[in-house]
């Protein structure tokens, strides 16, 4: 029987500066994994390096612009360590209706962050992922449902779920599991900003709009980053060895037309 001890198992997490990624880094550090945490820029990586649990557990911290294919190539070329797990968590959301005109359309930026970046990073690091090993992609319930104004975000998350299912079939024979986690509303800074904008557009208070959003949900509240991190942690563990190619929803999809 294989040991469930996680010592010396290295996991790389993108987008570890805040929100789900930050919560996940804390959970995994406390479980004893060796962590490599990626932040989007040097400034945020420096801030992350000074966080208490990062210092205490000796986590490696690097900056990487996940939208820059050349930067990803350079990072991969310099990599020389075995990985137990890779978590593609970094993401962004920009809202723009198909009939709106702007100077700079955010479609490319969103797809580079949420879809192309995870593809290139995973492809580059795959030779270093152990067998058995784990890949977890942070998708979204908007990777299964459309929402007005979210063309880029939905397209990227639909694509990420699709890649998850493809990779699971490709890598299963190597005992590398690949799963996606699709949260709905999570209590993060990005979600709070998004909710406040939507409340204003609907001429409602943020408090009233929060209650309206939560009413169809089983738990009647947003999930917390810690709760998402707990699920991801399970999918990274040896206990999840028989689970692959799955998209894990957190609560009922709430769809804003």
Protein backbone atom coordinates (compact mmCIF):
# COMPACT_ATOMS: atom_id res chain seq x y z
CA UNK A 1 0.00 0.00 0.00
CA UNK A 2 1.38 3.41 -0.99
CA UNK A 3 2.17 5.96 1.71
CA UNK A 4 -0.13 8.95 2.12
CA UNK A 5 2.70 11.12 3.51
CA UNK A 6 3.02 14.30 1.47
CA UNK A 7 6.58 15.25 2.46
CA UNK A 8 8.81 16.05 -0.52
CA UNK A 9 5.83 16.19 -2.87
CA UNK A 10 6.13 19.40 -4.82
CA UNK A 11 3.08 21.29 -6.08
CA UNK A 12 3.05 24.40 -8.27
CA UNK A 13 0.14 26.85 -7.91
CA UNK A 14 -0.45 29.77 -10.26
CA UNK A 15 -2.27 32.91 -9.15
CA UNK A 16 -1.29 32.36 -5.52
CA UNK A 17 -1.31 36.02 -4.51
CA UNK A 18 -4.95 36.30 -3.48
CA UNK A 19 -8.39 34.68 -3.44
CA UNK A 20 -8.64 30.96 -4.11
CA UNK A 21 -4.95 30.61 -4.94
CA UNK A 22 -3.85 32.22 -1.69
CA UNK A 23 -6.21 30.04 0.36
CA UNK A 24 -5.01 26.95 -1.48
CA UNK A 25 -1.37 27.81 -0.84
CA UNK A 26 -2.08 28.08 2.87
CA UNK A 27 -3.99 24.77 2.99
CA UNK A 28 -1.29 22.89 1.08
CA UNK A 29 1.54 24.42 3.12
CA UNK A 30 -0.12 23.29 6.34
CA UNK A 31 -0.46 19.78 4.89
CA UNK A 32 3.29 19.62 4.37
CA UNK A 33 3.64 19.88 0.59
CA UNK A 34 6.66 21.62 -0.93
CA UNK A 35 5.13 24.57 -2.73
CA UNK A 36 6.11 26.67 -5.70
CA UNK A 37 3.84 29.71 -5.86
CA UNK A 38 3.52 31.88 -8.94
CA UNK A 39 2.42 35.52 -8.90
CA UNK A 40 1.62 37.69 -11.90
CA UNK A 41 4.37 40.29 -11.38
CA UNK A 42 7.50 41.00 -9.35
CA UNK A 43 5.67 43.35 -6.99
CA UNK A 44 3.03 40.80 -6.06
CA UNK A 45 5.62 38.01 -5.80
CA UNK A 46 7.60 40.12 -3.33
CA UNK A 47 4.46 40.68 -1.23
CA UNK A 48 3.69 36.95 -1.33
CA UNK A 49 7.26 36.10 -0.28
CA UNK A 50 6.74 38.03 2.94
CA UNK A 51 3.48 36.33 3.97
CA UNK A 52 3.82 34.43 7.25
CA UNK A 53 2.95 30.90 6.13
CA UNK A 54 5.12 31.29 3.01
CA UNK A 55 8.15 32.19 5.14
CA UNK A 56 7.38 29.56 7.79
CA UNK A 57 7.04 26.70 5.31
CA UNK A 58 9.82 27.78 2.96
CA UNK A 59 7.63 28.08 -0.13
CA UNK A 60 9.33 29.07 -3.38
CA UNK A 61 7.84 32.20 -4.97
CA UNK A 62 8.31 33.32 -8.57
CA UNK A 63 6.75 35.96 -10.79
CA UNK A 64 5.33 34.86 -14.13
CA UNK A 65 3.09 36.70 -16.56
CA UNK A 66 0.83 33.84 -17.60
CA UNK A 67 -0.31 35.83 -20.67
CA UNK A 68 3.25 35.97 -22.06
CA UNK A 69 4.12 32.83 -24.01
CA UNK A 70 7.81 33.78 -24.14
CA UNK A 71 7.90 34.20 -20.35
CA UNK A 72 6.26 30.79 -19.92
CA UNK A 73 8.84 29.22 -22.25
CA UNK A 74 11.69 30.78 -20.28
CA UNK A 75 10.20 29.59 -16.99
CA UNK A 76 9.77 26.04 -18.28
CA UNK A 77 13.28 25.95 -19.74
CA UNK A 78 14.70 26.80 -16.33
CA UNK A 79 12.62 24.18 -14.53
CA UNK A 80 14.45 21.06 -13.32
CA UNK A 81 12.37 19.62 -10.46
CA UNK A 82 9.90 16.74 -10.26
CA UNK A 83 6.31 17.85 -9.66
CA UNK A 84 3.62 15.88 -7.91
CA UNK A 85 0.94 18.38 -8.82
CA UNK A 86 0.12 21.43 -10.92
CA UNK A 87 -2.79 23.76 -10.13
CA UNK A 88 -3.77 26.13 -12.93
CA UNK A 89 -5.56 28.71 -10.82
CA UNK A 90 -4.59 32.13 -12.25
CA UNK A 91 -7.53 33.80 -13.94
CA UNK A 92 -9.11 37.07 -14.89
CA UNK A 93 -12.59 38.27 -15.83
CA UNK A 94 -13.41 41.24 -18.07
CA UNK A 95 -16.99 42.08 -19.01
CA UNK A 96 -17.94 43.37 -22.47
CA UNK A 97 -21.11 42.87 -24.47
CA UNK A 98 -20.82 41.70 -28.06
CA UNK A 99 -22.50 44.93 -29.22
CA UNK A 100 -20.22 47.23 -27.22
CA UNK A 101 -17.35 49.14 -28.83
CA UNK A 102 -14.14 49.84 -26.92
CA UNK A 103 -10.64 50.93 -27.85
CA UNK A 104 -9.07 47.73 -26.53
CA UNK A 105 -11.16 44.55 -26.51
CA UNK A 106 -10.21 42.33 -23.53
CA UNK A 107 -10.98 39.04 -25.30
CA UNK A 108 -7.34 38.15 -26.01
CA UNK A 109 -6.19 39.03 -22.49
CA UNK A 110 -8.85 36.84 -20.89
CA UNK A 111 -8.15 33.85 -23.13
CA UNK A 112 -4.38 34.20 -22.70
CA UNK A 113 -4.77 34.22 -18.91
CA UNK A 114 -7.47 31.61 -18.49
CA UNK A 115 -6.85 29.21 -21.37
CA UNK A 116 -3.66 29.65 -23.40
CA UNK A 117 -1.49 30.18 -20.32
CA UNK A 118 -2.63 26.97 -18.57
CA UNK A 119 -2.19 25.06 -21.84
CA UNK A 120 1.37 26.26 -22.43
CA UNK A 121 2.45 25.91 -18.80
CA UNK A 122 1.01 22.39 -18.48
CA UNK A 123 2.52 21.29 -21.78
CA UNK A 124 5.90 22.63 -20.77
CA UNK A 125 5.95 21.14 -17.27
CA UNK A 126 4.38 17.80 -18.18
CA UNK A 127 7.75 15.99 -18.54
CA UNK A 128 8.42 16.81 -14.88
CA UNK A 129 5.08 15.63 -13.47
CA UNK A 130 5.52 12.36 -11.61
CA UNK A 131 3.65 9.14 -12.34
CA UNK A 132 1.34 9.07 -10.44
CA UNK A 133 0.73 12.79 -10.46
CA UNK A 134 -2.01 15.39 -10.34
CA UNK A 135 -3.27 18.29 -12.46
CA UNK A 136 -6.14 20.46 -11.24
CA UNK A 137 -7.64 23.28 -13.31
CA UNK A 138 -9.72 26.00 -11.65
CA UNK A 139 -12.61 26.53 -14.04
CA UNK A 140 -16.00 28.08 -13.22
CA UNK A 141 -19.70 27.40 -13.36
CA UNK A 142 -19.60 29.94 -16.19
CA UNK A 143 -17.69 27.24 -18.05
CA UNK A 144 -21.03 25.45 -18.24
CA UNK A 145 -23.51 28.35 -18.46
CA UNK A 146 -23.55 31.56 -20.46
CA UNK A 147 -24.00 35.01 -18.95
CA UNK A 148 -24.63 38.24 -20.83
CA UNK A 149 -21.43 40.23 -21.29
CA UNK A 150 -19.12 37.37 -20.30
CA UNK A 151 -18.22 36.03 -23.77
CA UNK A 152 -14.49 35.94 -23.14
CA UNK A 153 -14.70 34.52 -19.63
CA UNK A 154 -17.24 31.84 -20.53
CA UNK A 155 -15.31 30.86 -23.66
CA UNK A 156 -12.11 30.48 -21.66
CA UNK A 157 -13.68 28.40 -18.90
CA UNK A 158 -15.68 26.22 -21.32
CA UNK A 159 -12.33 25.61 -23.04
CA UNK A 160 -10.52 24.84 -19.79
CA UNK A 161 -13.10 22.20 -18.87
CA UNK A 162 -12.77 20.74 -22.36
CA UNK A 163 -8.99 20.56 -22.06
CA UNK A 164 -9.36 18.89 -18.67
CA UNK A 165 -11.38 16.08 -20.18
CA UNK A 166 -8.95 15.69 -23.09
CA UNK A 167 -5.86 15.61 -20.86
CA UNK A 168 -7.47 13.05 -18.57
CA UNK A 169 -7.86 10.69 -21.52
CA UNK A 170 -4.34 11.37 -22.77
CA UNK A 171 -2.57 11.02 -19.41
CA UNK A 172 -4.61 8.34 -17.66
CA UNK A 173 -2.33 5.53 -18.78
CA UNK A 174 0.52 7.36 -17.04
CA UNK A 175 -1.48 7.49 -13.79
CA UNK A 176 -1.71 11.28 -13.96
CA UNK A 177 -5.19 12.44 -12.97
CA UNK A 178 -6.65 15.64 -14.38
CA UNK A 179 -9.70 17.30 -12.85
CA UNK A 180 -11.42 20.68 -12.92
CA UNK A 181 -13.07 22.53 -10.05
CA UNK A 182 -15.87 24.89 -11.05
CA UNK A 183 -16.88 27.24 -8.26
CA UNK A 184 -19.83 29.55 -8.60
CA UNK A 185 -19.81 32.69 -6.50
CA UNK A 186 -16.81 32.69 -4.15
CA UNK A 187 -16.17 35.39 -1.57
CA UNK A 188 -13.12 36.95 -3.20
CA UNK A 189 -12.16 40.52 -4.03
CA UNK A 190 -12.89 39.95 -7.73
CA UNK A 191 -16.36 38.55 -6.96
CA UNK A 192 -17.24 41.41 -4.62
CA UNK A 193 -16.27 43.97 -7.26
CA UNK A 194 -18.29 42.09 -9.87
CA UNK A 195 -21.33 41.84 -7.59
CA UNK A 196 -21.19 45.56 -6.70
CA UNK A 197 -21.09 46.47 -10.41
CA UNK A 198 -24.05 44.23 -11.19
CA UNK A 199 -26.01 45.59 -8.24
CA UNK A 200 -25.48 49.15 -9.48
CA UNK A 201 -26.54 48.19 -13.01
CA UNK A 202 -29.77 46.75 -11.56
CA UNK A 203 -30.41 49.75 -9.29
CA UNK A 204 -30.17 47.65 -6.15
CA UNK A 205 -28.09 47.84 -3.00
CA UNK A 206 -25.16 45.46 -2.74
CA UNK A 207 -26.80 43.80 0.28
CA UNK A 208 -30.09 43.22 -1.53
CA UNK A 209 -28.34 41.93 -4.61
CA UNK A 210 -26.23 39.54 -2.54
CA UNK A 211 -29.41 38.07 -1.02
CA UNK A 212 -30.94 37.74 -4.49
CA UNK A 213 -27.88 35.91 -5.79
CA UNK A 214 -27.75 33.58 -2.81
CA UNK A 215 -31.44 32.72 -2.67
CA UNK A 216 -31.28 29.86 -5.27
CA UNK A 217 -28.09 28.44 -3.77
CA UNK A 218 -28.28 25.45 -1.46
CA UNK A 219 -26.14 27.11 1.20
CA UNK A 220 -27.76 30.55 0.72
CA UNK A 221 -24.31 32.16 0.67
CA UNK A 222 -21.14 32.39 -1.37
CA UNK A 223 -18.57 29.65 -0.99
CA UNK A 224 -15.36 30.68 0.72
CA UNK A 225 -11.88 30.40 -0.83
CA UNK A 226 -11.04 27.93 1.95
CA UNK A 227 -13.88 25.64 0.86
CA UNK A 228 -12.65 25.62 -2.72
CA UNK A 229 -9.11 25.01 -1.49
CA UNK A 230 -10.27 22.02 0.54
CA UNK A 231 -11.76 20.38 -2.56
CA UNK A 232 -8.64 21.08 -4.63
CA UNK A 233 -6.50 19.68 -1.82
CA UNK A 234 -8.47 16.42 -1.92
CA UNK A 235 -8.03 16.15 -5.71
CA UNK A 236 -4.28 16.61 -5.25
CA UNK A 237 -4.08 13.89 -2.63
CA UNK A 238 -3.45 10.18 -3.13
CA UNK A 239 -6.97 9.56 -1.84
CA UNK A 240 -8.31 10.85 -5.20
CA UNK A 241 -6.31 8.33 -7.24
CA UNK A 242 -9.37 6.89 -8.99
CA UNK A 243 -10.92 10.22 -10.01
CA UNK A 244 -10.06 11.87 -13.32
CA UNK A 245 -11.66 13.78 -16.18
CA UNK A 246 -14.28 15.26 -13.87
CA UNK A 247 -15.61 18.79 -13.44
CA UNK A 248 -16.49 19.44 -9.80
CA UNK A 249 -19.31 21.94 -9.22
CA UNK A 250 -19.61 23.66 -5.83
CA UNK A 251 -23.26 24.81 -5.74
CA UNK A 252 -26.19 25.22 -8.11
CA UNK A 253 -25.42 27.40 -11.11
CA UNK A 254 -26.87 30.89 -10.70
CA UNK A 255 -27.35 32.47 -14.10
CA UNK A 256 -27.53 36.23 -14.61
CA UNK A 257 -29.10 37.00 -17.97
